[in-house]
């Protein structure tokens, strides 16, 4: 494993073991490259009261670090960008539930089956899930959340000339009325 990614994982594992309660902030640091708190809090944000754990944003941060030109310096930025992406996804999921939008069971099963087919060996499947910060029980829940958000966005696309713009406008409205507390 790349040393840079390993160091981020180590920071996040230490954070997950830390049980200190974070002190709420008004939002992410104005400077996305500002140093992260040490130790990193177990809960890195709350979205309308729902906690967001550090372990939930690790996979997103890892992907960003792999794409970064300077992974050694980009850890704080990667974590904050991953958190923002996760918060937006959570806001969309909450909105979908409020509107009564649900993922179809067939769609969830299809995505799960495709993922499982890519990892037919049980050990490799477990390793893949662990790398995503998931376990066999939580993967279907995560798929259902993602498919629910996709269903909500498909509904937006039906009436919008510019689907990406419609999504951004909805996220902007949701952010404006949401209670978002971030601790990193």
Protein backbone atom coordinates (compact mmCIF):
# COMPACT_ATOMS: atom_id res chain seq x y z
CA UNK A 1 0.00 0.00 0.00
CA UNK A 2 1.26 3.48 -0.80
CA UNK A 3 2.95 5.18 2.22
CA UNK A 4 0.84 8.30 1.81
CA UNK A 5 -2.44 6.41 1.81
CA UNK A 6 -1.20 4.30 4.70
CA UNK A 7 -0.46 7.43 6.74
CA UNK A 8 -3.99 8.76 6.11
CA UNK A 9 -5.47 5.40 7.07
CA UNK A 10 -3.39 5.40 10.25
CA UNK A 11 -4.62 8.89 11.17
CA UNK A 12 -8.21 7.81 10.59
CA UNK A 13 -7.83 4.56 12.53
CA UNK A 14 -6.45 6.51 15.49
CA UNK A 15 -9.39 8.90 15.12
CA UNK A 16 -11.87 6.05 15.09
CA UNK A 17 -10.40 4.79 18.35
CA UNK A 18 -10.63 8.24 19.94
CA UNK A 19 -13.81 8.67 21.95
CA UNK A 20 -13.44 12.38 22.67
CA UNK A 21 -16.50 14.41 21.84
CA UNK A 22 -15.81 16.99 19.18
CA UNK A 23 -16.58 20.61 19.74
CA UNK A 24 -18.91 21.93 17.05
CA UNK A 25 -17.62 24.42 14.58
CA UNK A 26 -19.42 26.73 12.25
CA UNK A 27 -18.19 24.71 9.30
CA UNK A 28 -15.09 23.38 7.63
CA UNK A 29 -11.95 25.42 7.99
CA UNK A 30 -11.90 28.38 5.64
CA UNK A 31 -8.57 27.03 4.40
CA UNK A 32 -9.14 23.47 3.14
CA UNK A 33 -5.43 22.78 3.68
CA UNK A 34 -5.47 23.91 7.34
CA UNK A 35 -4.15 21.26 9.70
CA UNK A 36 -6.65 18.70 10.90
CA UNK A 37 -7.46 18.49 14.60
CA UNK A 38 -5.40 15.95 16.48
CA UNK A 39 -6.71 13.53 17.32
CA UNK A 40 -9.26 13.50 14.55
CA UNK A 41 -12.72 13.19 16.13
CA UNK A 42 -14.66 9.98 15.64
CA UNK A 43 -17.64 12.09 14.50
CA UNK A 44 -16.48 14.61 11.89
CA UNK A 45 -19.86 16.23 11.21
CA UNK A 46 -23.58 16.17 11.85
CA UNK A 47 -26.18 16.66 9.15
CA UNK A 48 -29.57 17.60 10.54
CA UNK A 49 -28.55 15.77 13.70
CA UNK A 50 -27.29 12.65 11.92
CA UNK A 51 -23.64 11.88 12.77
CA UNK A 52 -21.03 11.43 10.06
CA UNK A 53 -18.15 9.26 11.22
CA UNK A 54 -14.57 9.59 10.08
CA UNK A 55 -14.75 6.00 8.84
CA UNK A 56 -17.56 6.95 6.46
CA UNK A 57 -15.44 9.44 4.55
CA UNK A 58 -12.20 7.41 4.38
CA UNK A 59 -12.98 5.70 1.04
CA UNK A 60 -13.85 9.02 -0.59
CA UNK A 61 -10.71 10.64 0.83
CA UNK A 62 -8.57 7.73 -0.40
CA UNK A 63 -9.86 8.19 -3.94
CA UNK A 64 -9.11 11.91 -3.80
CA UNK A 65 -5.61 11.25 -2.48
CA UNK A 66 -4.89 8.85 -5.34
CA UNK A 67 -5.85 11.63 -7.76
CA UNK A 68 -3.87 14.31 -5.90
CA UNK A 69 -0.68 15.78 -7.33
CA UNK A 70 0.81 15.99 -3.82
CA UNK A 71 -0.78 13.36 -1.55
CA UNK A 72 1.53 14.22 1.38
CA UNK A 73 0.16 17.76 1.56
CA UNK A 74 -3.33 16.93 0.34
CA UNK A 75 -4.65 14.87 3.27
CA UNK A 76 -6.56 17.68 4.96
CA UNK A 77 -8.03 18.87 1.67
CA UNK A 78 -8.96 15.32 0.63
CA UNK A 79 -10.77 14.72 3.92
CA UNK A 80 -12.65 18.01 3.77
CA UNK A 81 -13.67 17.51 0.13
CA UNK A 82 -14.76 13.95 0.91
CA UNK A 83 -16.78 15.26 3.83
CA UNK A 84 -18.48 17.86 1.65
CA UNK A 85 -19.33 15.19 -0.94
CA UNK A 86 -20.70 12.90 1.77
CA UNK A 87 -22.76 15.71 3.34
CA UNK A 88 -24.29 16.54 -0.06
CA UNK A 89 -25.14 12.86 -0.57
CA UNK A 90 -26.68 12.69 2.91
CA UNK A 91 -28.77 15.81 2.25
CA UNK A 92 -30.04 14.29 -1.00
CA UNK A 93 -30.85 11.02 0.76
CA UNK A 94 -32.76 12.82 3.51
CA UNK A 95 -34.68 14.78 0.86
CA UNK A 96 -35.51 11.59 -1.03
CA UNK A 97 -36.91 10.03 2.14
CA UNK A 98 -38.92 13.20 2.87
CA UNK A 99 -40.41 13.00 -0.64
CA UNK A 100 -41.18 9.30 -0.27
CA UNK A 101 -38.63 8.30 -2.92
CA UNK A 102 -37.29 4.78 -2.49
CA UNK A 103 -34.82 2.63 -4.32
CA UNK A 104 -36.30 -0.38 -6.04
CA UNK A 105 -35.34 -3.66 -4.41
CA UNK A 106 -34.43 -5.08 -7.82
CA UNK A 107 -32.00 -2.22 -8.46
CA UNK A 108 -30.32 -2.73 -5.08
CA UNK A 109 -30.02 -6.48 -5.66
CA UNK A 110 -28.66 -5.91 -9.17
CA UNK A 111 -25.91 -3.58 -7.95
CA UNK A 112 -25.07 -5.93 -5.08
CA UNK A 113 -24.92 -8.93 -7.42
CA UNK A 114 -22.63 -7.06 -9.82
CA UNK A 115 -20.28 -6.09 -6.99
CA UNK A 116 -20.29 -9.61 -5.61
CA UNK A 117 -19.57 -11.08 -9.05
CA UNK A 118 -16.48 -8.87 -9.27
CA UNK A 119 -15.25 -10.43 -6.00
CA UNK A 120 -16.34 -14.10 -6.06
CA UNK A 121 -13.74 -15.22 -3.50
CA UNK A 122 -15.05 -14.68 0.06
CA UNK A 123 -11.70 -13.43 1.39
CA UNK A 124 -11.33 -10.93 -1.46
CA UNK A 125 -14.93 -9.77 -0.96
CA UNK A 126 -14.30 -9.15 2.74
CA UNK A 127 -11.03 -7.35 1.92
CA UNK A 128 -12.79 -5.18 -0.68
CA UNK A 129 -15.53 -4.24 1.79
CA UNK A 130 -13.01 -3.42 4.52
CA UNK A 131 -11.16 -1.12 2.11
CA UNK A 132 -14.46 0.70 1.57
CA UNK A 133 -15.06 1.01 5.30
CA UNK A 134 -17.96 -1.43 5.06
CA UNK A 135 -18.86 -4.92 6.21
CA UNK A 136 -21.18 -7.55 4.71
CA UNK A 137 -24.17 -6.11 6.62
CA UNK A 138 -23.60 -2.45 5.75
CA UNK A 139 -22.93 -2.84 2.00
CA UNK A 140 -26.60 -3.32 1.09
CA UNK A 141 -27.58 -0.33 3.22
CA UNK A 142 -24.98 1.78 1.40
CA UNK A 143 -26.19 0.53 -1.98
CA UNK A 144 -29.78 1.34 -1.01
CA UNK A 145 -28.78 4.89 -0.01
CA UNK A 146 -26.95 5.41 -3.31
CA UNK A 147 -29.80 3.96 -5.37
CA UNK A 148 -32.34 6.11 -3.48
CA UNK A 149 -30.33 9.24 -4.27
CA UNK A 150 -30.09 8.16 -7.92
CA UNK A 151 -33.87 7.71 -8.02
CA UNK A 152 -34.38 11.22 -6.60
CA UNK A 153 -31.98 12.66 -9.18
CA UNK A 154 -33.71 10.79 -12.01
CA UNK A 155 -36.91 12.56 -10.97
CA UNK A 156 -35.12 15.91 -11.23
CA UNK A 157 -33.67 15.07 -14.62
CA UNK A 158 -37.14 14.35 -16.02
CA UNK A 159 -38.18 17.98 -15.72
CA UNK A 160 -34.85 19.73 -16.12
CA UNK A 161 -33.11 20.84 -19.26
CA UNK A 162 -29.77 20.78 -17.43
CA UNK A 163 -29.73 17.87 -14.91
CA UNK A 164 -26.38 18.83 -13.34
CA UNK A 165 -27.59 22.36 -12.75
CA UNK A 166 -30.88 21.09 -11.28
CA UNK A 167 -28.91 18.86 -8.90
CA UNK A 168 -26.65 21.72 -7.81
CA UNK A 169 -29.63 24.01 -7.25
CA UNK A 170 -31.36 21.37 -5.13
CA UNK A 171 -28.19 20.76 -3.09
CA UNK A 172 -27.84 24.52 -2.61
CA UNK A 173 -31.41 24.79 -1.31
CA UNK A 174 -30.93 21.78 0.95
CA UNK A 175 -27.67 23.18 2.35
CA UNK A 176 -29.34 26.55 2.99
CA UNK A 177 -32.02 25.05 5.21
CA UNK A 178 -29.97 22.23 6.77
CA UNK A 179 -28.24 22.11 10.12
CA UNK A 180 -24.68 21.14 9.24
CA UNK A 181 -21.98 21.05 11.90
CA UNK A 182 -18.46 20.09 10.90
CA UNK A 183 -15.59 19.35 13.22
CA UNK A 184 -12.64 19.15 10.85
